[in-house]
């Protein structure tokens, strides 16, 4: 049996970019799907819970969708002026 890849992304309390939802929020928690008491419908073994920095509706995503925000921002092309 293959071991799951360890999670190495943003940590709870840090800003995280959710590539699936194309938005940024504050990561609240990373949970194993077996810990959840509801139908999570996530394909991966870990679920991430996020909220907007200034409040608003929280959301969840597969932890594999998370990136550090600076890695998700487009990088300027050195040839562009």
C-alpha atoms as a PDB file:
ATOM      1  CA  UNK A   1       0.000   0.000   0.000  1.00  0.00           C
ATOM      2  CA  UNK A   2       1.326   3.478  -0.883  1.00  0.00           C
ATOM      3  CA  UNK A   3       1.897   5.958   1.906  1.00  0.00           C
ATOM      4  CA  UNK A   4       0.074   9.273   1.385  1.00  0.00           C
ATOM      5  CA  UNK A   5       2.245  12.224   0.472  1.00  0.00           C
ATOM      6  CA  UNK A   6       2.801  14.377   3.573  1.00  0.00           C
ATOM      7  CA  UNK A   7       1.161  17.800   3.548  1.00  0.00           C
ATOM      8  CA  UNK A   8       3.789  20.549   3.125  1.00  0.00           C
ATOM      9  CA  UNK A   9       1.628  23.581   2.306  1.00  0.00           C
ATOM     10  CA  UNK A  10       0.468  26.574   4.330  1.00  0.00           C
ATOM     11  CA  UNK A  11      -0.206  25.903   8.003  1.00  0.00           C
ATOM     12  CA  UNK A  12      -3.228  26.872  10.121  1.00  0.00           C
ATOM     13  CA  UNK A  13      -3.285  30.627  10.696  1.00  0.00           C
ATOM     14  CA  UNK A  14      -1.412  31.332   7.447  1.00  0.00           C
ATOM     15  CA  UNK A  15      -2.777  32.731   4.212  1.00  0.00           C
ATOM     16  CA  UNK A  16      -3.428  30.044   1.584  1.00  0.00           C
ATOM     17  CA  UNK A  17      -4.486  30.129  -2.057  1.00  0.00           C
ATOM     18  CA  UNK A  18      -7.149  27.579  -3.036  1.00  0.00           C
ATOM     19  CA  UNK A  19      -6.489  26.794  -6.704  1.00  0.00           C
ATOM     20  CA  UNK A  20      -9.838  25.004  -7.108  1.00  0.00           C
ATOM     21  CA  UNK A  21     -11.878  27.996  -5.878  1.00  0.00           C
ATOM     22  CA  UNK A  22      -9.363  30.547  -7.214  1.00  0.00           C
ATOM     23  CA  UNK A  23      -9.430  32.544  -3.987  1.00  0.00           C
ATOM     24  CA  UNK A  24      -7.265  33.223  -0.989  1.00  0.00           C
ATOM     25  CA  UNK A  25      -8.175  32.753   2.658  1.00  0.00           C
ATOM     26  CA  UNK A  26      -6.781  32.003   6.085  1.00  0.00           C
ATOM     27  CA  UNK A  27      -6.253  28.293   6.659  1.00  0.00           C
ATOM     28  CA  UNK A  28      -8.156  27.210   9.767  1.00  0.00           C
ATOM     29  CA  UNK A  29      -7.386  23.484   9.882  1.00  0.00           C
ATOM     30  CA  UNK A  30      -6.293  20.424   7.950  1.00  0.00           C
ATOM     31  CA  UNK A  31      -8.270  17.316   8.908  1.00  0.00           C
ATOM     32  CA  UNK A  32      -8.119  13.689   7.911  1.00  0.00           C
ATOM     33  CA  UNK A  33     -11.374  12.755   6.159  1.00  0.00           C
ATOM     34  CA  UNK A  34     -11.897  10.013   8.750  1.00  0.00           C
ATOM     35  CA  UNK A  35     -12.243  12.724  11.437  1.00  0.00           C
ATOM     36  CA  UNK A  36     -15.217  14.349   9.716  1.00  0.00           C
ATOM     37  CA  UNK A  37     -18.769  13.680  10.861  1.00  0.00           C
ATOM     38  CA  UNK A  38     -20.376  14.664   7.547  1.00  0.00           C
ATOM     39  CA  UNK A  39     -20.248  13.669   3.901  1.00  0.00           C
ATOM     40  CA  UNK A  40     -17.120  15.494   2.755  1.00  0.00           C
ATOM     41  CA  UNK A  41     -17.027  14.376  -0.909  1.00  0.00           C
ATOM     42  CA  UNK A  42     -13.320  15.086  -1.182  1.00  0.00           C
ATOM     43  CA  UNK A  43     -11.131  12.866  -3.337  1.00  0.00           C
ATOM     44  CA  UNK A  44      -8.030  13.163  -1.171  1.00  0.00           C
ATOM     45  CA  UNK A  45      -7.233  12.013   2.345  1.00  0.00           C
ATOM     46  CA  UNK A  46      -7.004  15.544   3.830  1.00  0.00           C
ATOM     47  CA  UNK A  47      -9.579  18.334   3.890  1.00  0.00           C
ATOM     48  CA  UNK A  48      -8.613  21.994   4.401  1.00  0.00           C
ATOM     49  CA  UNK A  49     -10.939  24.519   6.034  1.00  0.00           C
ATOM     50  CA  UNK A  50     -10.474  28.189   5.081  1.00  0.00           C
ATOM     51  CA  UNK A  51     -12.108  31.550   5.768  1.00  0.00           C
ATOM     52  CA  UNK A  52     -11.798  34.993   4.222  1.00  0.00           C
ATOM     53  CA  UNK A  53      -9.290  37.224   6.006  1.00  0.00           C
ATOM     54  CA  UNK A  54     -11.921  39.796   6.944  1.00  0.00           C
ATOM     55  CA  UNK A  55     -14.699  37.296   7.558  1.00  0.00           C
ATOM     56  CA  UNK A  56     -17.381  35.912   5.330  1.00  0.00           C
ATOM     57  CA  UNK A  57     -18.409  32.428   4.380  1.00  0.00           C
ATOM     58  CA  UNK A  58     -15.957  29.656   5.175  1.00  0.00           C
ATOM     59  CA  UNK A  59     -15.224  26.887   2.701  1.00  0.00           C
ATOM     60  CA  UNK A  60     -13.394  23.610   2.449  1.00  0.00           C
ATOM     61  CA  UNK A  61     -11.226  22.095  -0.229  1.00  0.00           C
ATOM     62  CA  UNK A  62      -8.974  19.132  -0.836  1.00  0.00           C
ATOM     63  CA  UNK A  63      -5.623  19.986   0.773  1.00  0.00           C
ATOM     64  CA  UNK A  64      -3.879  19.250  -2.542  1.00  0.00           C
ATOM     65  CA  UNK A  65      -5.500  22.423  -3.930  1.00  0.00           C
ATOM     66  CA  UNK A  66      -3.641  24.671  -1.488  1.00  0.00           C
ATOM     67  CA  UNK A  67      -0.638  26.755  -2.417  1.00  0.00           C
ATOM     68  CA  UNK A  68       1.333  29.501  -0.763  1.00  0.00           C
ATOM     69  CA  UNK A  69      -0.155  32.733  -2.199  1.00  0.00           C
ATOM     70  CA  UNK A  70       3.195  34.011  -3.494  1.00  0.00           C
ATOM     71  CA  UNK A  71       3.603  30.806  -5.521  1.00  0.00           C
ATOM     72  CA  UNK A  72       0.146  31.271  -7.068  1.00  0.00           C
ATOM     73  CA  UNK A  73       0.606  34.906  -8.125  1.00  0.00           C
ATOM     74  CA  UNK A  74       1.664  35.442 -11.722  1.00  0.00           C
ATOM     75  CA  UNK A  75       5.318  36.290 -12.066  1.00  0.00           C
ATOM     76  CA  UNK A  76       6.200  39.173 -14.383  1.00  0.00           C
ATOM     77  CA  UNK A  77       7.939  38.194 -17.574  1.00  0.00           C
ATOM     78  CA  UNK A  78      11.435  39.771 -17.570  1.00  0.00           C
ATOM     79  CA  UNK A  79      10.960  40.616 -21.272  1.00  0.00           C
ATOM     80  CA  UNK A  80       7.863  42.734 -20.580  1.00  0.00           C
ATOM     81  CA  UNK A  81       8.353  46.431 -20.023  1.00  0.00           C
END
